[in-house]
Amino acid sequence: MPHINLLPWRETRRKEQEKRFYVISGVAAALSILVVFLANNHIGQTINYQTQRNAYMTTQLKAVDQQIATIKSLEQEKNQLLSRMNIIQRLQASRPESVHLFEQVAYVTPEGARLVKLTHNGGLYSIEGIAESNALISRMMRNIDRSKWLSDPQLIVIDSSKKAYPGSSWFSMRFKKNPNMKSGG
């Protein structure tokens, strides 16, 4: 018996095409969901990896900052030590000058005059003393003028009225150390 299809062939084909379409759409949707899941998973892993790298960099930066702070404190200590060494070297170099200065002050002070106080402020020296006469004070100023080590004597005050020194004159004067003289000269 011959096989006769009474169903319309187009409708069957359309149902098959519809079935294929739904299957292909389902497979495409499943593949899309799978791709989105894999992409999301990959992006999440990349973000976690970058977060770990950032945390590592942050800890390394903190360590470097601590090292920089240590270096700065060491540099400060070094600068302080260098300044101390410079001060000590200057003091060592000026030690003979102080001795020479005292020797010159003793040399320019005439008999009959006593020094009570000697102060130093920068390059300026101040002395106070008692002299038996004003002529001795004048001689002392001339001696300072003639000295190779001392210069520019300036009389500040002569006071003969002080009761603590009867018959004597209390005086105060300033002078400078000759800038051309060094401790070897």
C-alpha atoms as a PDB file:
ATOM      1  CA  MET A   1       0.000   0.000   0.000  1.00  0.00           C
ATOM      2  CA  PRO A   2       1.353   3.197  -0.909  1.00  0.00           C
ATOM      3  CA  HIS A   3       2.079   5.569   1.864  1.00  0.00           C
ATOM      4  CA  ILE A   4       0.115   8.722   1.523  1.00  0.00           C
ATOM      5  CA  ASN A   5       0.688  11.651   3.705  1.00  0.00           C
ATOM      6  CA  LEU A   6      -2.451  13.513   4.256  1.00  0.00           C
ATOM      7  CA  LEU A   7      -0.918  16.092   6.531  1.00  0.00           C
ATOM      8  CA  PRO A   8       0.153  19.204   4.901  1.00  0.00           C
ATOM      9  CA  TRP A   9       3.916  19.003   4.448  1.00  0.00           C
ATOM     10  CA  ARG A  10       4.501  22.666   5.027  1.00  0.00           C
ATOM     11  CA  GLU A  11       3.048  22.611   8.494  1.00  0.00           C
ATOM     12  CA  THR A  12       5.220  19.690   9.462  1.00  0.00           C
ATOM     13  CA  ARG A  13       8.276  21.438   8.139  1.00  0.00           C
ATOM     14  CA  ARG A  14       7.362  24.596  10.023  1.00  0.00           C
ATOM     15  CA  LYS A  15       6.994  22.642  13.279  1.00  0.00           C
ATOM     16  CA  GLU A  16      10.360  21.004  12.695  1.00  0.00           C
ATOM     17  CA  GLN A  17      11.887  24.391  11.978  1.00  0.00           C
ATOM     18  CA  GLU A  18      10.239  25.777  15.097  1.00  0.00           C
ATOM     19  CA  LYS A  19      11.573  22.872  17.095  1.00  0.00           C
ATOM     20  CA  ARG A  20      15.060  23.413  15.677  1.00  0.00           C
ATOM     21  CA  PHE A  21      14.793  27.129  16.368  1.00  0.00           C
ATOM     22  CA  TYR A  22      13.878  26.525  20.004  1.00  0.00           C
ATOM     23  CA  VAL A  23      16.639  23.963  20.407  1.00  0.00           C
ATOM     24  CA  ILE A  24      19.182  26.307  18.786  1.00  0.00           C
ATOM     25  CA  SER A  25      17.847  29.244  20.866  1.00  0.00           C
ATOM     26  CA  GLY A  26      18.105  27.134  24.033  1.00  0.00           C
ATOM     27  CA  VAL A  27      21.635  26.042  23.169  1.00  0.00           C
ATOM     28  CA  ALA A  28      22.573  29.653  22.306  1.00  0.00           C
ATOM     29  CA  ALA A  29      21.027  30.908  25.566  1.00  0.00           C
ATOM     30  CA  ALA A  30      22.863  28.202  27.523  1.00  0.00           C
ATOM     31  CA  LEU A  31      26.117  29.077  25.754  1.00  0.00           C
ATOM     32  CA  SER A  32      25.521  32.790  26.405  1.00  0.00           C
ATOM     33  CA  ILE A  33      24.881  32.115  30.086  1.00  0.00           C
ATOM     34  CA  LEU A  34      28.008  29.953  30.210  1.00  0.00           C
ATOM     35  CA  VAL A  35      30.099  32.668  28.484  1.00  0.00           C
ATOM     36  CA  VAL A  36      28.737  35.357  30.845  1.00  0.00           C
ATOM     37  CA  PHE A  37      29.447  33.117  33.868  1.00  0.00           C
ATOM     38  CA  LEU A  38      32.994  32.377  32.665  1.00  0.00           C
ATOM     39  CA  ALA A  39      33.661  36.056  31.853  1.00  0.00           C
ATOM     40  CA  ASN A  40      32.300  37.101  35.251  1.00  0.00           C
ATOM     41  CA  ASN A  41      34.415  34.448  36.961  1.00  0.00           C
ATOM     42  CA  HIS A  42      37.536  35.584  35.025  1.00  0.00           C
ATOM     43  CA  ILE A  43      36.898  39.261  35.829  1.00  0.00           C
ATOM     44  CA  GLY A  44      36.387  38.390  39.522  1.00  0.00           C
ATOM     45  CA  GLN A  45      39.661  36.458  39.572  1.00  0.00           C
ATOM     46  CA  THR A  46      41.440  39.339  37.827  1.00  0.00           C
ATOM     47  CA  ILE A  47      40.025  41.812  40.367  1.00  0.00           C
ATOM     48  CA  ASN A  48      41.117  39.564  43.264  1.00  0.00           C
ATOM     49  CA  TYR A  49      44.599  39.211  41.763  1.00  0.00           C
ATOM     50  CA  GLN A  50      44.881  42.979  41.299  1.00  0.00           C
ATOM     51  CA  THR A  51      43.607  43.569  44.853  1.00  0.00           C
ATOM     52  CA  GLN A  52      46.296  41.222  46.162  1.00  0.00           C
ATOM     53  CA  ARG A  53      48.927  43.055  44.103  1.00  0.00           C
ATOM     54  CA  ASN A  54      47.683  46.405  45.420  1.00  0.00           C
ATOM     55  CA  ALA A  55      47.823  45.119  49.008  1.00  0.00           C
ATOM     56  CA  TYR A  56      51.385  43.851  48.393  1.00  0.00           C
ATOM     57  CA  MET A  57      52.381  47.212  46.911  1.00  0.00           C
ATOM     58  CA  THR A  58      50.817  49.033  49.878  1.00  0.00           C
ATOM     59  CA  THR A  59      52.806  46.942  52.372  1.00  0.00           C
ATOM     60  CA  GLN A  60      55.980  47.449  50.336  1.00  0.00           C
ATOM     61  CA  LEU A  61      55.354  51.213  50.185  1.00  0.00           C
ATOM     62  CA  LYS A  62      54.878  51.298  53.953  1.00  0.00           C
ATOM     63  CA  ALA A  63      58.166  49.440  54.389  1.00  0.00           C
ATOM     64  CA  VAL A  64      59.914  51.864  52.025  1.00  0.00           C
ATOM     65  CA  ASP A  65      58.363  54.843  53.863  1.00  0.00           C
ATOM     66  CA  GLN A  66      59.729  53.471  57.133  1.00  0.00           C
ATOM     67  CA  GLN A  67      63.150  53.065  55.540  1.00  0.00           C
ATOM     68  CA  ILE A  68      62.979  56.637  54.227  1.00  0.00           C
ATOM     69  CA  ALA A  69      62.033  57.892  57.705  1.00  0.00           C
ATOM     70  CA  THR A  70      64.969  55.954  59.148  1.00  0.00           C
ATOM     71  CA  ILE A  71      67.292  57.413  56.519  1.00  0.00           C
ATOM     72  CA  LYS A  72      66.053  60.941  57.256  1.00  0.00           C
ATOM     73  CA  SER A  73      66.600  60.486  60.988  1.00  0.00           C
ATOM     74  CA  LEU A  74      70.078  59.104  60.291  1.00  0.00           C
ATOM     75  CA  GLU A  75      70.817  62.080  58.047  1.00  0.00           C
ATOM     76  CA  GLN A  76      69.677  64.423  60.829  1.00  0.00           C
ATOM     77  CA  GLU A  77      71.945  62.647  63.285  1.00  0.00           C
ATOM     78  CA  LYS A  78      74.777  62.820  60.756  1.00  0.00           C
ATOM     79  CA  ASN A  79      74.246  66.567  60.263  1.00  0.00           C
ATOM     80  CA  GLN A  80      74.141  67.105  64.027  1.00  0.00           C
ATOM     81  CA  LEU A  81      77.349  65.137  64.463  1.00  0.00           C
ATOM     82  CA  LEU A  82      79.009  67.049  61.626  1.00  0.00           C
ATOM     83  CA  SER A  83      78.003  70.368  63.170  1.00  0.00           C
ATOM     84  CA  ARG A  84      79.359  69.210  66.525  1.00  0.00           C
ATOM     85  CA  MET A  85      82.587  68.129  64.845  1.00  0.00           C
ATOM     86  CA  ASN A  86      82.866  71.531  63.153  1.00  0.00           C
ATOM     87  CA  ILE A  87      82.331  73.300  66.469  1.00  0.00           C
ATOM     88  CA  ILE A  88      84.976  71.118  68.115  1.00  0.00           C
ATOM     89  CA  GLN A  89      87.398  71.754  65.249  1.00  0.00           C
ATOM     90  CA  ARG A  90      86.808  75.499  65.485  1.00  0.00           C
ATOM     91  CA  LEU A  91      87.345  75.361  69.238  1.00  0.00           C
ATOM     92  CA  GLN A  92      90.525  73.354  68.756  1.00  0.00           C
ATOM     93  CA  ALA A  93      91.740  75.867  66.163  1.00  0.00           C
ATOM     94  CA  SER A  94      90.844  78.859  68.360  1.00  0.00           C
ATOM     95  CA  ARG A  95      92.447  77.464  71.511  1.00  0.00           C
ATOM     96  CA  PRO A  96      95.862  78.994  70.782  1.00  0.00           C
ATOM     97  CA  GLU A  97      94.137  82.258  69.844  1.00  0.00           C
ATOM     98  CA  SER A  98      92.519  82.456  73.290  1.00  0.00           C
ATOM     99  CA  VAL A  99      95.870  81.910  74.962  1.00  0.00           C
ATOM    100  CA  HIS A 100      97.471  84.511  72.705  1.00  0.00           C
ATOM    101  CA  LEU A 101      94.623  86.949  73.403  1.00  0.00           C
ATOM    102  CA  PHE A 102      95.063  86.621  77.174  1.00  0.00           C
ATOM    103  CA  GLU A 103      98.801  87.045  76.756  1.00  0.00           C
ATOM    104  CA  GLN A 104      98.255  90.234  74.728  1.00  0.00           C
ATOM    105  CA  VAL A 105      95.739  91.616  77.231  1.00  0.00           C
ATOM    106  CA  ALA A 106      98.272  91.048  80.009  1.00  0.00           C
ATOM    107  CA  TYR A 107     100.981  92.658  77.870  1.00  0.00           C
ATOM    108  CA  VAL A 108      98.954  95.827  77.104  1.00  0.00           C
ATOM    109  CA  THR A 109      97.777  96.280  80.713  1.00  0.00           C
ATOM    110  CA  PRO A 110     100.225  98.682  82.403  1.00  0.00           C
ATOM    111  CA  GLU A 111     101.519  98.451  85.996  1.00  0.00           C
ATOM    112  CA  GLY A 112      99.008 100.082  88.301  1.00  0.00           C
ATOM    113  CA  ALA A 113      95.951  98.879  86.389  1.00  0.00           C
ATOM    114  CA  ARG A 114      93.893  95.805  87.297  1.00  0.00           C
ATOM    115  CA  LEU A 115      91.362  94.071  85.099  1.00  0.00           C
ATOM    116  CA  VAL A 116      88.205  92.920  86.827  1.00  0.00           C
ATOM    117  CA  LYS A 117      86.134  91.585  83.954  1.00  0.00           C
ATOM    118  CA  LEU A 118      86.734  90.447  80.363  1.00  0.00           C
ATOM    119  CA  THR A 119      83.788  89.544  78.132  1.00  0.00           C
ATOM    120  CA  HIS A 120      83.573  88.463  74.533  1.00  0.00           C
ATOM    121  CA  ASN A 121      80.648  89.009  72.160  1.00  0.00           C
ATOM    122  CA  GLY A 122      81.306  88.058  68.560  1.00  0.00           C
ATOM    123  CA  GLY A 123      84.500  89.811  67.515  1.00  0.00           C
ATOM    124  CA  LEU A 124      84.214  92.474  70.206  1.00  0.00           C
ATOM    125  CA  TYR A 125      85.924  92.235  73.602  1.00  0.00           C
ATOM    126  CA  SER A 126      84.919  94.341  76.616  1.00  0.00           C
ATOM    127  CA  ILE A 127      87.038  94.869  79.705  1.00  0.00           C
ATOM    128  CA  GLU A 128      86.382  96.522  83.011  1.00  0.00           C
ATOM    129  CA  GLY A 129      89.073  97.399  85.465  1.00  0.00           C
ATOM    130  CA  ILE A 130      90.586  99.750  88.008  1.00  0.00           C
ATOM    131  CA  ALA A 131      93.535 102.062  87.316  1.00  0.00           C
ATOM    132  CA  GLU A 132      95.530 104.222  89.708  1.00  0.00           C
ATOM    133  CA  SER A 133      95.269 107.145  87.270  1.00  0.00           C
ATOM    134  CA  ASN A 134      93.630 108.153  84.010  1.00  0.00           C
ATOM    135  CA  ALA A 135      97.077 108.268  82.411  1.00  0.00           C
ATOM    136  CA  LEU A 136      97.373 104.493  82.883  1.00  0.00           C
ATOM    137  CA  ILE A 137      94.082 104.030  81.028  1.00  0.00           C
ATOM    138  CA  SER A 138      95.401 106.202  78.183  1.00  0.00           C
ATOM    139  CA  ARG A 139      98.626 104.177  78.106  1.00  0.00           C
ATOM    140  CA  MET A 140      96.603 100.959  77.932  1.00  0.00           C
ATOM    141  CA  MET A 141      94.646 102.290  74.942  1.00  0.00           C
ATOM    142  CA  ARG A 142      97.901 103.257  73.198  1.00  0.00           C
ATOM    143  CA  ASN A 143      99.318  99.798  73.948  1.00  0.00           C
ATOM    144  CA  ILE A 144      96.219  98.222  72.376  1.00  0.00           C
ATOM    145  CA  ASP A 145      96.673 100.432  69.308  1.00  0.00           C
ATOM    146  CA  ARG A 146     100.317  99.325  68.972  1.00  0.00           C
ATOM    147  CA  SER A 147      99.537  95.651  69.488  1.00  0.00           C
ATOM    148  CA  LYS A 148      99.637  93.348  66.471  1.00  0.00           C
ATOM    149  CA  TRP A 149      96.837  91.246  67.902  1.00  0.00           C
ATOM    150  CA  LEU A 150      94.449  93.883  69.243  1.00  0.00           C
ATOM    151  CA  SER A 151      92.911  96.923  67.548  1.00  0.00           C
ATOM    152  CA  ASP A 152      90.279  99.679  67.729  1.00  0.00           C
ATOM    153  CA  PRO A 153      90.235 100.520  71.462  1.00  0.00           C
ATOM    154  CA  GLN A 154      87.141 102.474  72.511  1.00  0.00           C
ATOM    155  CA  LEU A 155      86.816 103.934  75.958  1.00  0.00           C
ATOM    156  CA  ILE A 156      83.286 103.518  77.277  1.00  0.00           C
ATOM    157  CA  VAL A 157      83.487 105.142  80.683  1.00  0.00           C
ATOM    158  CA  ILE A 158      85.914 106.360  83.348  1.00  0.00           C
ATOM    159  CA  ASP A 159      84.421 106.802  86.785  1.00  0.00           C
ATOM    160  CA  SER A 160      86.550 108.268  89.589  1.00  0.00           C
ATOM    161  CA  SER A 161      83.618 108.711  91.959  1.00  0.00           C
ATOM    162  CA  LYS A 162      83.136 105.062  92.939  1.00  0.00           C
ATOM    163  CA  LYS A 163      83.533 104.723  96.692  1.00  0.00           C
ATOM    164  CA  ALA A 164      84.669 101.121  96.406  1.00  0.00           C
ATOM    165  CA  TYR A 165      87.873 102.274  94.696  1.00  0.00           C
ATOM    166  CA  PRO A 166      89.098 105.440  96.494  1.00  0.00           C
ATOM    167  CA  GLY A 167      91.927 107.212  94.705  1.00  0.00           C
ATOM    168  CA  SER A 168      91.448 105.028  91.641  1.00  0.00           C
ATOM    169  CA  SER A 169      89.426 105.215  88.459  1.00  0.00           C
ATOM    170  CA  TRP A 170      87.052 102.529  87.403  1.00  0.00           C
ATOM    171  CA  PHE A 171      87.010 102.134  83.598  1.00  0.00           C
ATOM    172  CA  SER A 172      85.319 100.173  80.854  1.00  0.00           C
ATOM    173  CA  MET A 173      86.556  99.847  77.293  1.00  0.00           C
ATOM    174  CA  ARG A 174      86.110  97.776  74.154  1.00  0.00           C
ATOM    175  CA  PHE A 175      88.546  96.520  71.570  1.00  0.00           C
ATOM    176  CA  LYS A 176      88.705  94.028  68.725  1.00  0.00           C
ATOM    177  CA  LYS A 177      91.048  91.248  67.821  1.00  0.00           C
ATOM    178  CA  ASN A 178      93.007  92.135  64.706  1.00  0.00           C
ATOM    179  CA  PRO A 179      91.361  90.063  61.943  1.00  0.00           C
ATOM    180  CA  ASN A 180      94.664  89.739  60.059  1.00  0.00           C
ATOM    181  CA  MET A 181      96.348  87.870  62.918  1.00  0.00           C
ATOM    182  CA  LYS A 182      96.078  84.104  63.218  1.00  0.00           C
ATOM    183  CA  SER A 183      97.230  81.917  66.062  1.00  0.00           C
ATOM    184  CA  GLY A 184     100.633  81.281  64.475  1.00  0.00           C
ATOM    185  CA  GLY A 185     101.581  85.036  64.095  1.00  0.00           C
END
